[in-house]
């Protein structure tokens, strides 16, 4: 893990991790554009809501993948290096995700 400065951390992702996350985000972006078109074309509310629920599921899947990668790499590395504060950071992150 590299550090830009004392206040920001960065994460160098593998090519596979990067591609997977970007692919998920591209699909989510397409779904959002589709919902926008539905609203613009006066689609029936339940049809839009179904698509909105699909976006929520896609964002949740993105979050799960990113969180799993984070735990397996960043958190595990920090703990191995004796940085137990990584656990507190993870707990705070989970609290924000569960709002």
Protein backbone atom coordinates (compact mmCIF):
# COMPACT_ATOMS: atom_id res chain seq x y z
CA UNK A 1 0.00 0.00 0.00
CA UNK A 2 1.38 3.37 -0.97
CA UNK A 3 0.64 6.69 0.68
CA UNK A 4 0.22 10.02 -1.13
CA UNK A 5 0.43 11.99 2.09
CA UNK A 6 -0.53 11.57 5.72
CA UNK A 7 -4.23 12.13 4.96
CA UNK A 8 -4.86 10.06 1.80
CA UNK A 9 -4.21 6.44 1.03
CA UNK A 10 -4.24 4.92 -2.41
CA UNK A 11 -4.68 1.33 -3.57
CA UNK A 12 -2.89 -0.18 -6.53
CA UNK A 13 -5.36 -2.73 -7.91
CA UNK A 14 -4.55 -5.74 -10.02
CA UNK A 15 -5.59 -5.57 -13.66
CA UNK A 16 -8.31 -8.18 -13.01
CA UNK A 17 -9.67 -6.30 -9.98
CA UNK A 18 -9.65 -3.02 -11.90
CA UNK A 19 -11.44 -4.50 -14.92
CA UNK A 20 -14.08 -6.20 -12.79
CA UNK A 21 -14.89 -3.05 -10.83
CA UNK A 22 -14.96 -0.85 -13.93
CA UNK A 23 -17.21 -3.35 -15.73
CA UNK A 24 -19.65 -3.29 -12.83
CA UNK A 25 -19.63 0.51 -12.77
CA UNK A 26 -20.19 0.69 -16.52
CA UNK A 27 -23.22 -1.60 -16.21
CA UNK A 28 -24.59 0.51 -13.35
CA UNK A 29 -24.07 3.65 -15.40
CA UNK A 30 -25.99 2.07 -18.28
CA UNK A 31 -28.81 1.07 -15.96
CA UNK A 32 -29.04 4.64 -14.62
CA UNK A 33 -29.20 6.02 -18.17
CA UNK A 34 -31.96 3.51 -18.90
CA UNK A 35 -33.96 4.68 -15.90
CA UNK A 36 -33.50 8.30 -16.97
CA UNK A 37 -34.87 7.43 -20.42
CA UNK A 38 -37.81 5.66 -18.80
CA UNK A 39 -38.66 8.81 -16.83
CA UNK A 40 -38.22 10.99 -19.91
CA UNK A 41 -40.53 8.66 -21.86
CA UNK A 42 -43.21 8.63 -19.13
CA UNK A 43 -42.77 4.94 -18.31
CA UNK A 44 -45.13 3.35 -15.81
CA UNK A 45 -43.95 3.88 -12.19
CA UNK A 46 -43.68 0.18 -11.19
CA UNK A 47 -41.54 -0.50 -14.27
CA UNK A 48 -39.15 2.26 -13.22
CA UNK A 49 -39.12 1.01 -9.64
CA UNK A 50 -38.15 -2.49 -10.78
CA UNK A 51 -35.22 -1.04 -12.70
CA UNK A 52 -34.28 1.12 -9.72
CA UNK A 53 -34.23 -1.99 -7.52
CA UNK A 54 -31.93 -3.64 -10.07
CA UNK A 55 -29.55 -0.67 -9.80
CA UNK A 56 -29.57 -0.96 -6.01
CA UNK A 57 -28.71 -4.66 -6.31
CA UNK A 58 -25.90 -3.84 -8.75
CA UNK A 59 -24.45 -1.17 -6.44
CA UNK A 60 -24.64 -3.62 -3.53
CA UNK A 61 -22.79 -6.23 -5.59
CA UNK A 62 -20.12 -3.63 -6.44
CA UNK A 63 -19.78 -2.74 -2.74
CA UNK A 64 -19.49 -6.40 -1.74
CA UNK A 65 -16.75 -7.03 -4.28
CA UNK A 66 -14.83 -3.89 -3.32
CA UNK A 67 -15.20 -4.63 0.40
CA UNK A 68 -14.01 -8.21 -0.07
CA UNK A 69 -10.97 -7.02 -2.01
CA UNK A 70 -10.28 -4.41 0.67
CA UNK A 71 -10.41 -6.93 3.50
CA UNK A 72 -8.25 -9.47 1.67
CA UNK A 73 -5.59 -6.94 0.73
CA UNK A 74 -5.49 -3.65 2.63
CA UNK A 75 -6.92 -4.79 5.97
CA UNK A 76 -5.02 -8.10 6.02
CA UNK A 77 -1.74 -6.34 5.13
CA UNK A 78 -2.24 -3.68 7.80
CA UNK A 79 -2.99 -6.30 10.46
CA UNK A 80 0.05 -8.35 9.44
CA UNK A 81 2.10 -5.16 9.82
CA UNK A 82 0.74 -4.58 13.32
CA UNK A 83 -1.62 -1.77 12.35
CA UNK A 84 -4.65 -2.80 14.38
CA UNK A 85 -6.32 0.55 13.68
CA UNK A 86 -7.28 -1.03 10.34
CA UNK A 87 -9.95 -2.94 12.26
CA UNK A 88 -11.46 0.28 13.60
CA UNK A 89 -11.40 1.79 10.11
CA UNK A 90 -13.15 -1.31 8.73
CA UNK A 91 -15.81 -1.14 11.45
CA UNK A 92 -16.47 2.54 10.66
CA UNK A 93 -16.69 1.74 6.95
CA UNK A 94 -19.19 -1.07 7.62
CA UNK A 95 -21.29 1.28 9.76
CA UNK A 96 -21.49 3.72 6.84
CA UNK A 97 -22.42 0.95 4.41
CA UNK A 98 -25.20 -0.28 6.68
CA UNK A 99 -27.02 3.06 7.06
